[in-house]
PDB file of N, CA and C in Angstrom:
ATOM      1  N   UNK A   1     -48.315 149.455 118.448  1.00  0.00           N
ATOM      2  CA  UNK A   1     -47.607 149.155 119.196  1.00  0.00           C
ATOM      3  C   UNK A   1     -47.036 147.848 118.953  1.00  0.00           C
ATOM      4  N   UNK A   2     -45.895 146.617 118.682  1.00  0.00           N
ATOM      5  CA  UNK A   2     -45.722 145.869 118.331  1.00  0.00           C
ATOM      6  C   UNK A   2     -45.195 145.428 120.081  1.00  0.00           C
ATOM      7  N   UNK A   3     -45.687 143.736 120.288  1.00  0.00           N
ATOM      8  CA  UNK A   3     -45.161 143.528 121.580  1.00  0.00           C
ATOM      9  C   UNK A   3     -43.756 143.626 122.132  1.00  0.00           C
ATOM     10  N   UNK A   4     -42.985 143.261 121.032  1.00  0.00           N
ATOM     11  CA  UNK A   4     -41.487 143.793 121.303  1.00  0.00           C
ATOM     12  C   UNK A   4     -41.509 145.340 121.950  1.00  0.00           C
ATOM     13  N   UNK A   5     -42.027 146.192 121.244  1.00  0.00           N
ATOM     14  CA  UNK A   5     -41.428 147.119 121.341  1.00  0.00           C
ATOM     15  C   UNK A   5     -42.339 147.807 122.679  1.00  0.00           C
ATOM     16  N   UNK A   6     -43.454 146.938 123.032  1.00  0.00           N
ATOM     17  CA  UNK A   6     -43.847 147.200 124.588  1.00  0.00           C
ATOM     18  C   UNK A   6     -43.099 146.862 125.828  1.00  0.00           C
ATOM     19  N   UNK A   7     -42.511 145.442 125.375  1.00  0.00           N
ATOM     20  CA  UNK A   7     -41.637 145.124 126.335  1.00  0.00           C
ATOM     21  C   UNK A   7     -40.289 145.373 126.663  1.00  0.00           C
ATOM     22  N   UNK A   8     -39.675 145.745 125.370  1.00  0.00           N
ATOM     23  CA  UNK A   8     -38.470 146.949 125.525  1.00  0.00           C
ATOM     24  C   UNK A   8     -38.671 147.975 126.490  1.00  0.00           C
ATOM     25  N   UNK A   9     -40.229 149.052 126.040  1.00  0.00           N
ATOM     26  CA  UNK A   9     -39.901 150.597 126.761  1.00  0.00           C
ATOM     27  C   UNK A   9     -40.145 149.926 128.170  1.00  0.00           C
ATOM     28  N   UNK A  10     -41.019 148.786 128.721  1.00  0.00           N
ATOM     29  CA  UNK A  10     -41.226 148.435 130.212  1.00  0.00           C
ATOM     30  C   UNK A  10     -39.960 147.906 130.939  1.00  0.00           C
ATOM     31  N   UNK A  11     -38.931 147.506 130.022  1.00  0.00           N
ATOM     32  CA  UNK A  11     -37.955 146.277 130.421  1.00  0.00           C
ATOM     33  C   UNK A  11     -36.898 147.982 130.806  1.00  0.00           C
ATOM     34  N   UNK A  12     -36.735 148.708 129.817  1.00  0.00           N
ATOM     35  CA  UNK A  12     -36.182 149.982 130.490  1.00  0.00           C
ATOM     36  C   UNK A  12     -35.999 150.732 131.656  1.00  0.00           C
ATOM     37  N   UNK A  13     -37.559 150.769 132.314  1.00  0.00           N
ATOM     38  CA  UNK A  13     -37.756 151.098 133.036  1.00  0.00           C
ATOM     39  C   UNK A  13     -37.082 150.531 134.741  1.00  0.00           C
ATOM     40  N   UNK A  14     -36.683 149.505 134.507  1.00  0.00           N
ATOM     41  CA  UNK A  14     -36.801 148.700 135.669  1.00  0.00           C
ATOM     42  C   UNK A  14     -35.130 148.946 135.884  1.00  0.00           C
ATOM     43  N   UNK A  15     -34.609 148.287 137.082  1.00  0.00           N
ATOM     44  CA  UNK A  15     -33.395 148.544 137.263  1.00  0.00           C
ATOM     45  C   UNK A  15     -32.579 147.477 136.812  1.00  0.00           C
ATOM     46  N   UNK A  16     -31.351 147.648 137.008  1.00  0.00           N
ATOM     47  CA  UNK A  16     -30.557 146.231 135.874  1.00  0.00           C
ATOM     48  C   UNK A  16     -30.591 144.709 136.416  1.00  0.00           C
ATOM     49  N   UNK A  17     -30.622 145.009 137.718  1.00  0.00           N
ATOM     50  CA  UNK A  17     -30.972 143.631 138.185  1.00  0.00           C
ATOM     51  C   UNK A  17     -31.817 142.859 137.679  1.00  0.00           C
ATOM     52  N   UNK A  18     -33.000 143.851 137.671  1.00  0.00           N
ATOM     53  CA  UNK A  18     -34.567 143.225 137.150  1.00  0.00           C
ATOM     54  C   UNK A  18     -34.431 143.094 135.956  1.00  0.00           C
ATOM     55  N   UNK A  19     -33.623 144.046 134.983  1.00  0.00           N
ATOM     56  CA  UNK A  19     -33.698 143.450 133.385  1.00  0.00           C
ATOM     57  C   UNK A  19     -32.806 141.864 133.204  1.00  0.00           C
ATOM     58  N   UNK A  20     -31.790 142.335 134.024  1.00  0.00           N
ATOM     59  CA  UNK A  20     -31.032 140.734 134.294  1.00  0.00           C
ATOM     60  C   UNK A  20     -32.170 139.532 134.305  1.00  0.00           C
ATOM     61  N   UNK A  21     -33.059 139.486 135.282  1.00  0.00           N
ATOM     62  CA  UNK A  21     -34.017 138.498 135.494  1.00  0.00           C
ATOM     63  C   UNK A  21     -34.818 138.348 134.138  1.00  0.00           C
ATOM     64  N   UNK A  22     -35.317 139.585 133.918  1.00  0.00           N
ATOM     65  CA  UNK A  22     -36.187 139.286 132.372  1.00  0.00           C
ATOM     66  C   UNK A  22     -35.428 138.564 131.084  1.00  0.00           C
ATOM     67  N   UNK A  23     -34.107 138.943 131.025  1.00  0.00           N
ATOM     68  CA  UNK A  23     -33.086 137.966 130.356  1.00  0.00           C
ATOM     69  C   UNK A  23     -32.797 136.839 130.542  1.00  0.00           C
ATOM     70  N   UNK A  24     -32.519 136.285 131.637  1.00  0.00           N
ATOM     71  CA  UNK A  24     -32.863 134.902 132.201  1.00  0.00           C
ATOM     72  C   UNK A  24     -34.006 134.480 131.576  1.00  0.00           C
ATOM     73  N   UNK A  25     -35.621 134.616 132.272  1.00  0.00           N
ATOM     74  CA  UNK A  25     -36.370 133.846 131.759  1.00  0.00           C
ATOM     75  C   UNK A  25     -36.764 134.288 130.436  1.00  0.00           C
ATOM     76  N   UNK A  26     -36.570 134.852 129.051  1.00  0.00           N
ATOM     77  CA  UNK A  26     -36.252 134.846 128.351  1.00  0.00           C
ATOM     78  C   UNK A  26     -35.746 133.982 127.403  1.00  0.00           C
ATOM     79  N   UNK A  27     -34.347 133.549 128.038  1.00  0.00           N
ATOM     80  CA  UNK A  27     -33.195 132.526 127.614  1.00  0.00           C
ATOM     81  C   UNK A  27     -33.931 131.394 128.129  1.00  0.00           C
ATOM     82  N   UNK A  28     -34.731 131.287 129.645  1.00  0.00           N
ATOM     83  CA  UNK A  28     -35.162 129.879 129.517  1.00  0.00           C
ATOM     84  C   UNK A  28     -36.256 129.694 128.415  1.00  0.00           C
ATOM     85  N   UNK A  29     -37.152 130.505 128.271  1.00  0.00           N
ATOM     86  CA  UNK A  29     -38.352 130.272 127.399  1.00  0.00           C
ATOM     87  C   UNK A  29     -37.812 129.814 126.170  1.00  0.00           C
ATOM     88  N   UNK A  30     -36.632 130.315 125.478  1.00  0.00           N
ATOM     89  CA  UNK A  30     -36.341 129.908 124.216  1.00  0.00           C
ATOM     90  C   UNK A  30     -35.785 128.737 124.398  1.00  0.00           C
ATOM     91  N   UNK A  31     -35.331 128.087 125.524  1.00  0.00           N
ATOM     92  CA  UNK A  31     -35.038 126.516 125.648  1.00  0.00           C
ATOM     93  C   UNK A  31     -35.276 125.909 125.608  1.00  0.00           C
ATOM     94  N   UNK A  32     -36.262 126.070 126.261  1.00  0.00           N
ATOM     95  CA  UNK A  32     -37.624 125.404 126.442  1.00  0.00           C
ATOM     96  C   UNK A  32     -38.626 124.794 125.480  1.00  0.00           C
ATOM     97  N   UNK A  33     -38.645 125.832 124.642  1.00  0.00           N
ATOM     98  CA  UNK A  33     -39.100 125.668 123.132  1.00  0.00           C
ATOM     99  C   UNK A  33     -38.527 124.951 122.407  1.00  0.00           C
ATOM    100  N   UNK A  34     -37.338 125.526 122.071  1.00  0.00           N
ATOM    101  CA  UNK A  34     -36.355 124.916 121.299  1.00  0.00           C
ATOM    102  C   UNK A  34     -36.050 123.244 121.670  1.00  0.00           C
ATOM    103  N   UNK A  35     -35.637 122.780 122.957  1.00  0.00           N
ATOM    104  CA  UNK A  35     -36.266 121.456 123.250  1.00  0.00           C
ATOM    105  C   UNK A  35     -37.767 120.874 122.963  1.00  0.00           C
ATOM    106  N   UNK A  36     -38.362 121.320 123.473  1.00  0.00           N
ATOM    107  CA  UNK A  36     -40.230 120.795 123.123  1.00  0.00           C
ATOM    108  C   UNK A  36     -39.896 120.479 121.440  1.00  0.00           C
ATOM    109  N   UNK A  37     -39.750 121.597 120.749  1.00  0.00           N
ATOM    110  CA  UNK A  37     -39.435 121.341 119.299  1.00  0.00           C
ATOM    111  C   UNK A  37     -38.404 120.404 118.589  1.00  0.00           C
ATOM    112  N   UNK A  38     -37.409 120.230 119.778  1.00  0.00           N
ATOM    113  CA  UNK A  38     -36.428 119.116 118.837  1.00  0.00           C
ATOM    114  C   UNK A  38     -36.642 117.401 119.407  1.00  0.00           C
ATOM    115  N   UNK A  39     -37.596 117.653 120.692  1.00  0.00           N
ATOM    116  CA  UNK A  39     -38.317 116.347 120.764  1.00  0.00           C
ATOM    117  C   UNK A  39     -39.483 116.197 120.049  1.00  0.00           C
ATOM    118  N   UNK A  40     -40.445 117.130 119.648  1.00  0.00           N
ATOM    119  CA  UNK A  40     -41.542 116.912 118.553  1.00  0.00           C
ATOM    120  C   UNK A  40     -40.173 116.384 117.290  1.00  0.00           C
ATOM    121  N   UNK A  41     -39.867 117.138 116.543  1.00  0.00           N
ATOM    122  CA  UNK A  41     -39.349 116.859 115.165  1.00  0.00           C
ATOM    123  C   UNK A  41     -38.414 115.036 115.579  1.00  0.00           C
ATOM    124  N   UNK A  42     -37.644 115.149 116.595  1.00  0.00           N
ATOM    125  CA  UNK A  42     -36.949 113.677 116.574  1.00  0.00           C
ATOM    126  C   UNK A  42     -38.161 112.867 116.820  1.00  0.00           C
ATOM    127  N   UNK A  43     -39.245 112.888 117.549  1.00  0.00           N
ATOM    128  CA  UNK A  43     -40.478 111.647 117.485  1.00  0.00           C
ATOM    129  C   UNK A  43     -41.057 111.269 115.987  1.00  0.00           C
ATOM    130  N   UNK A  44     -41.204 112.028 115.519  1.00  0.00           N
ATOM    131  CA  UNK A  44     -41.908 112.071 114.477  1.00  0.00           C
ATOM    132  C   UNK A  44     -41.335 111.020 113.249  1.00  0.00           C
ATOM    133  N   UNK A  45     -41.665 109.985 112.989  1.00  0.00           N
ATOM    134  CA  UNK A  45     -41.221 109.629 111.481  1.00  0.00           C
ATOM    135  C   UNK A  45     -41.392 110.159 110.558  1.00  0.00           C
ATOM    136  N   UNK A  46     -40.760 109.643 109.611  1.00  0.00           N
ATOM    137  CA  UNK A  46     -41.048 110.048 108.073  1.00  0.00           C
ATOM    138  C   UNK A  46     -42.254 109.909 107.241  1.00  0.00           C
ATOM    139  N   UNK A  47     -43.071 110.292 107.059  1.00  0.00           N
ATOM    140  CA  UNK A  47     -44.081 109.865 106.560  1.00  0.00           C
ATOM    141  C   UNK A  47     -44.641 110.894 105.267  1.00  0.00           C
ATOM    142  N   UNK A  48     -45.707 110.351 104.278  1.00  0.00           N
ATOM    143  CA  UNK A  48     -45.680 111.131 103.188  1.00  0.00           C
ATOM    144  C   UNK A  48     -46.919 111.800 103.584  1.00  0.00           C
ATOM    145  N   UNK A  49     -47.420 113.221 102.481  1.00  0.00           N
ATOM    146  CA  UNK A  49     -48.157 113.709 102.867  1.00  0.00           C
ATOM    147  C   UNK A  49     -49.461 112.955 102.341  1.00  0.00           C
ATOM    148  N   UNK A  50     -49.725 111.999 101.724  1.00  0.00           N
ATOM    149  CA  UNK A  50     -50.953 111.741 101.696  1.00  0.00           C
ATOM    150  C   UNK A  50     -51.085 110.640 102.964  1.00  0.00           C
ATOM    151  N   UNK A  51     -50.143 109.847 103.750  1.00  0.00           N
ATOM    152  CA  UNK A  51     -50.607 109.314 104.796  1.00  0.00           C
ATOM    153  C   UNK A  51     -50.626 110.717 105.914  1.00  0.00           C
ATOM    154  N   UNK A  52     -49.758 111.476 106.220  1.00  0.00           N
ATOM    155  CA  UNK A  52     -50.167 112.777 106.791  1.00  0.00           C
ATOM    156  C   UNK A  52     -52.215 113.113 106.915  1.00  0.00           C
ATOM    157  N   UNK A  53     -52.170 112.998 105.727  1.00  0.00           N
ATOM    158  CA  UNK A  53     -53.727 113.746 105.878  1.00  0.00           C
ATOM    159  C   UNK A  53     -54.536 112.858 105.317  1.00  0.00           C
ATOM    160  N   UNK A  54     -54.054 112.146 105.478  1.00  0.00           N
ATOM    161  CA  UNK A  54     -55.379 110.384 105.200  1.00  0.00           C
ATOM    162  C   UNK A  54     -56.672 110.724 105.790  1.00  0.00           C
ATOM    163  N   UNK A  55     -56.898 111.194 107.004  1.00  0.00           N
ATOM    164  CA  UNK A  55     -57.677 111.391 107.779  1.00  0.00           C
ATOM    165  C   UNK A  55     -58.931 112.218 107.128  1.00  0.00           C
ATOM    166  N   UNK A  56     -58.085 113.251 106.046  1.00  0.00           N
ATOM    167  CA  UNK A  56     -59.008 114.259 105.536  1.00  0.00           C
ATOM    168  C   UNK A  56     -59.289 114.045 104.031  1.00  0.00           C
ATOM    169  N   UNK A  57     -59.247 112.839 103.578  1.00  0.00           N
ATOM    170  CA  UNK A  57     -59.539 112.411 102.264  1.00  0.00           C
ATOM    171  C   UNK A  57     -60.663 112.175 102.592  1.00  0.00           C
ATOM    172  N   UNK A  58     -61.378 112.963 101.410  1.00  0.00           N
ATOM    173  CA  UNK A  58     -62.994 112.480 101.103  1.00  0.00           C
ATOM    174  C   UNK A  58     -64.065 112.845 102.175  1.00  0.00           C
ATOM    175  N   UNK A  59     -63.487 114.340 102.921  1.00  0.00           N
ATOM    176  CA  UNK A  59     -63.952 114.943 103.864  1.00  0.00           C
ATOM    177  C   UNK A  59     -65.006 116.043 103.258  1.00  0.00           C
ATOM    178  N   UNK A  60     -64.505 116.315 101.710  1.00  0.00           N
ATOM    179  CA  UNK A  60     -65.447 117.418 101.082  1.00  0.00           C
ATOM    180  C   UNK A  60     -66.151 116.765  99.832  1.00  0.00           C
ATOM    181  N   UNK A  61     -67.486 117.309  99.557  1.00  0.00           N
ATOM    182  CA  UNK A  61     -67.926 116.791  98.582  1.00  0.00           C
ATOM    183  C   UNK A  61     -68.199 117.536  97.565  1.00  0.00           C
ATOM    184  N   UNK A  62     -68.378 116.794  96.067  1.00  0.00           N
ATOM    185  CA  UNK A  62     -67.746 117.209  94.927  1.00  0.00           C
ATOM    186  C   UNK A  62     -66.976 116.630  94.273  1.00  0.00           C
ATOM    187  N   UNK A  63     -66.519 117.279  92.720  1.00  0.00           N
ATOM    188  CA  UNK A  63     -66.024 116.584  91.912  1.00  0.00           C
ATOM    189  C   UNK A  63     -64.705 115.794  92.791  1.00  0.00           C
ATOM    190  N   UNK A  64     -64.416 114.689  92.262  1.00  0.00           N
ATOM    191  CA  UNK A  64     -63.285 114.349  93.006  1.00  0.00           C
ATOM    192  C   UNK A  64     -61.582 114.569  92.065  1.00  0.00           C
ATOM    193  N   UNK A  65     -62.287 114.955  90.615  1.00  0.00           N
ATOM    194  CA  UNK A  65     -61.184 115.323  90.157  1.00  0.00           C
ATOM    195  C   UNK A  65     -61.524 116.313  89.279  1.00  0.00           C
ATOM    196  N   UNK A  66     -60.875 117.568  89.694  1.00  0.00           N
ATOM    197  CA  UNK A  66     -61.867 119.109  88.427  1.00  0.00           C
ATOM    198  C   UNK A  66     -61.374 119.159  87.315  1.00  0.00           C
ATOM    199  N   UNK A  67     -60.540 118.192  86.571  1.00  0.00           N
ATOM    200  CA  UNK A  67     -59.850 117.865  85.163  1.00  0.00           C
ATOM    201  C   UNK A  67     -61.370 116.633  84.564  1.00  0.00           C
ATOM    202  N   UNK A  68     -62.250 116.651  85.362  1.00  0.00           N
ATOM    203  CA  UNK A  68     -63.057 116.414  84.806  1.00  0.00           C
ATOM    204  C   UNK A  68     -64.243 116.769  84.458  1.00  0.00           C
ATOM    205  N   UNK A  69     -63.984 118.773  84.613  1.00  0.00           N
ATOM    206  CA  UNK A  69     -65.051 119.259  84.041  1.00  0.00           C
ATOM    207  C   UNK A  69     -64.315 120.628  83.886  1.00  0.00           C
ATOM    208  N   UNK A  70     -64.127 120.842  82.630  1.00  0.00           N
ATOM    209  CA  UNK A  70     -63.465 121.804  81.740  1.00  0.00           C
ATOM    210  C   UNK A  70     -63.747 123.585  82.574  1.00  0.00           C
ATOM    211  N   UNK A  71     -65.366 123.286  82.678  1.00  0.00           N
ATOM    212  CA  UNK A  71     -65.514 124.481  82.882  1.00  0.00           C
ATOM    213  C   UNK A  71     -64.897 125.406  84.382  1.00  0.00           C
ATOM    214  N   UNK A  72     -64.212 124.781  85.020  1.00  0.00           N
ATOM    215  CA  UNK A  72     -63.834 125.328  86.400  1.00  0.00           C
ATOM    216  C   UNK A  72     -63.203 126.312  85.934  1.00  0.00           C
ATOM    217  N   UNK A  73     -62.368 126.396  84.600  1.00  0.00           N
ATOM    218  CA  UNK A  73     -60.885 126.713  84.351  1.00  0.00           C
ATOM    219  C   UNK A  73     -61.580 128.330  83.698  1.00  0.00           C
ATOM    220  N   UNK A  74     -63.269 128.112  83.406  1.00  0.00           N
ATOM    221  CA  UNK A  74     -63.671 129.361  82.449  1.00  0.00           C
ATOM    222  C   UNK A  74     -63.539 130.613  83.066  1.00  0.00           C
ATOM    223  N   UNK A  75     -62.949 131.676  82.161  1.00  0.00           N
ATOM    224  CA  UNK A  75     -62.683 133.108  82.664  1.00  0.00           C
ATOM    225  C   UNK A  75     -61.313 133.516  83.853  1.00  0.00           C
ATOM    226  N   UNK A  76     -60.366 132.207  84.200  1.00  0.00           N
ATOM    227  CA  UNK A  76     -59.368 132.146  84.281  1.00  0.00           C
ATOM    228  C   UNK A  76     -58.275 133.004  83.739  1.00  0.00           C
ATOM    229  N   UNK A  77     -57.716 133.678  84.880  1.00  0.00           N
ATOM    230  CA  UNK A  77     -56.603 135.081  84.150  1.00  0.00           C
ATOM    231  C   UNK A  77     -57.388 135.877  83.321  1.00  0.00           C
ATOM    232  N   UNK A  78     -58.609 136.112  83.562  1.00  0.00           N
ATOM    233  CA  UNK A  78     -58.941 137.559  82.536  1.00  0.00           C
ATOM    234  C   UNK A  78     -59.337 138.342  83.861  1.00  0.00           C
ATOM    235  N   UNK A  79     -58.837 139.734  83.017  1.00  0.00           N
ATOM    236  CA  UNK A  79     -59.313 140.588  83.913  1.00  0.00           C
ATOM    237  C   UNK A  79     -60.479 141.304  83.911  1.00  0.00           C
TER     238      UNK A  79
END
C-alpha cells in the first residue's frame, strides 16, 4: 500500500471538519515547499556544469581519458 492510499484510508475515517484540517495542512506544506524551492532557484546564479562539479574533478583514480585505452570498448554491444 502506498503512502497516499494509507492517508486516504485514514482520512476517510475522520469527521468532515478534521478532513478539512488535513487539507489545510497539506496546502500549507505545499506552499512552504514551493516557496523554499522558489527561493533556492532565485538565489542561484547560472553556472556551468564544470563549475558546479569542480570539487569532484580529480577525485577518482585511473585513466583521465578513456579514449587513450581502446580496450575499454572491447565486447561492448555483444550479447
